[in-house]
Amino acid sequence: AREAAAALPAVAAIYREHYELVWRIVGRLGVPARAVDDAVQDVFVVLHRRRDELDARGSLRALLYGIARRVARTAASRMRARAIS
């Protein structure tokens, strides 16, 4: 896994190249407009923090989509919890 993670470009470069893609993905996954920017930031924070654990042998876009899907699910859970409170 470390060899695959080492093959990833720097997170800053991934951010510059894929920010718009992640923004669209998060929005399409149902994150409310007011929370999209925070969710996008969370995707790149997860990428940075878990870089050594991630399996980067596949497509970078697929990796970002997977992270975005989990972040969107968490954001949706938070919104539901706030609505109940």
Protein backbone atom coordinates (compact mmCIF):
# COMPACT_ATOMS: atom_id res chain seq x y z
CA ALA A 1 0.00 0.00 0.00
CA ARG A 2 2.85 2.39 0.77
CA GLU A 3 4.28 1.92 -2.72
CA ALA A 4 0.90 2.71 -4.24
CA ALA A 5 0.49 5.77 -2.01
CA ALA A 6 3.96 6.95 -2.98
CA ALA A 7 2.81 6.86 -6.60
CA LEU A 8 0.11 9.46 -5.83
CA PRO A 9 0.91 13.04 -6.82
CA ALA A 10 1.16 15.60 -4.02
CA VAL A 11 -2.20 16.40 -2.44
CA ALA A 12 -1.87 20.05 -3.51
CA ALA A 13 -1.52 18.96 -7.13
CA ILE A 14 -4.48 16.58 -6.82
CA TYR A 15 -6.52 19.41 -5.29
CA ARG A 16 -5.71 21.81 -8.13
CA GLU A 17 -6.48 19.25 -10.81
CA HIS A 18 -9.56 17.60 -9.29
CA TYR A 19 -11.28 20.25 -7.14
CA GLU A 20 -14.07 20.87 -9.65
CA LEU A 21 -14.65 17.14 -10.16
CA VAL A 22 -14.96 16.55 -6.41
CA TRP A 23 -17.25 19.59 -6.07
CA ARG A 24 -19.60 18.18 -8.73
CA ILE A 25 -19.53 14.69 -7.25
CA VAL A 26 -20.34 15.90 -3.75
CA GLY A 27 -23.19 18.04 -5.06
CA ARG A 28 -24.61 15.17 -7.09
CA LEU A 29 -24.45 12.88 -4.09
CA GLY A 30 -27.01 15.07 -2.34
CA VAL A 31 -24.93 17.26 -0.08
CA PRO A 32 -26.93 20.48 0.42
CA ALA A 33 -25.50 23.52 -1.38
CA ARG A 34 -24.62 25.22 1.90
CA ALA A 35 -22.43 22.25 2.90
CA VAL A 36 -20.72 21.43 -0.42
CA ASP A 37 -17.59 23.51 0.20
CA ASP A 38 -17.05 21.88 3.60
CA ALA A 39 -17.61 18.41 2.15
CA VAL A 40 -15.10 19.05 -0.65
CA GLN A 41 -12.56 20.18 1.93
CA ASP A 42 -13.26 17.02 3.95
CA VAL A 43 -12.53 14.86 0.89
CA PHE A 44 -9.06 16.37 0.51
CA VAL A 45 -8.39 16.24 4.26
CA VAL A 46 -9.20 12.50 4.23
CA LEU A 47 -6.93 12.06 1.21
CA HIS A 48 -4.11 13.85 3.03
CA ARG A 49 -4.55 12.09 6.38
CA ARG A 50 -5.05 8.57 5.03
CA ARG A 51 -2.69 8.79 2.07
CA ASP A 52 -0.47 5.96 3.33
CA GLU A 53 -3.48 3.67 3.88
CA LEU A 54 -5.24 4.26 0.55
CA ASP A 55 -5.08 1.84 -2.33
CA ALA A 56 -3.95 4.06 -5.20
CA ARG A 57 -3.36 1.28 -7.72
CA GLY A 58 -6.57 2.14 -9.54
CA SER A 59 -7.88 5.35 -10.97
CA LEU A 60 -7.35 8.53 -8.94
CA ARG A 61 -10.84 9.63 -9.97
CA ALA A 62 -12.29 6.40 -8.55
CA LEU A 63 -10.37 6.91 -5.31
CA LEU A 64 -11.70 10.47 -4.99
CA TYR A 65 -15.22 9.29 -5.79
CA GLY A 66 -15.06 6.68 -3.04
CA ILE A 67 -13.87 9.21 -0.49
CA ALA A 68 -16.51 11.72 -1.65
CA ARG A 69 -19.24 9.10 -1.33
CA ARG A 70 -18.32 8.41 2.29
CA VAL A 71 -17.99 12.12 3.08
CA ALA A 72 -21.41 12.80 1.49
CA ARG A 73 -22.97 10.00 3.56
CA THR A 74 -21.51 11.53 6.73
CA ALA A 75 -22.72 15.02 5.75
CA ALA A 76 -26.22 13.67 5.13
CA SER A 77 -26.22 11.98 8.55
CA ARG A 78 -25.18 15.23 10.21
CA MET A 79 -27.94 17.13 8.42
CA ARG A 80 -30.54 14.59 9.54
CA ALA A 81 -29.28 14.76 13.12
CA ARG A 82 -29.55 18.57 13.09
CA ALA A 83 -33.07 18.37 11.69
CA ILE A 84 -34.13 16.03 14.50
CA SER A 85 -32.60 18.18 17.26
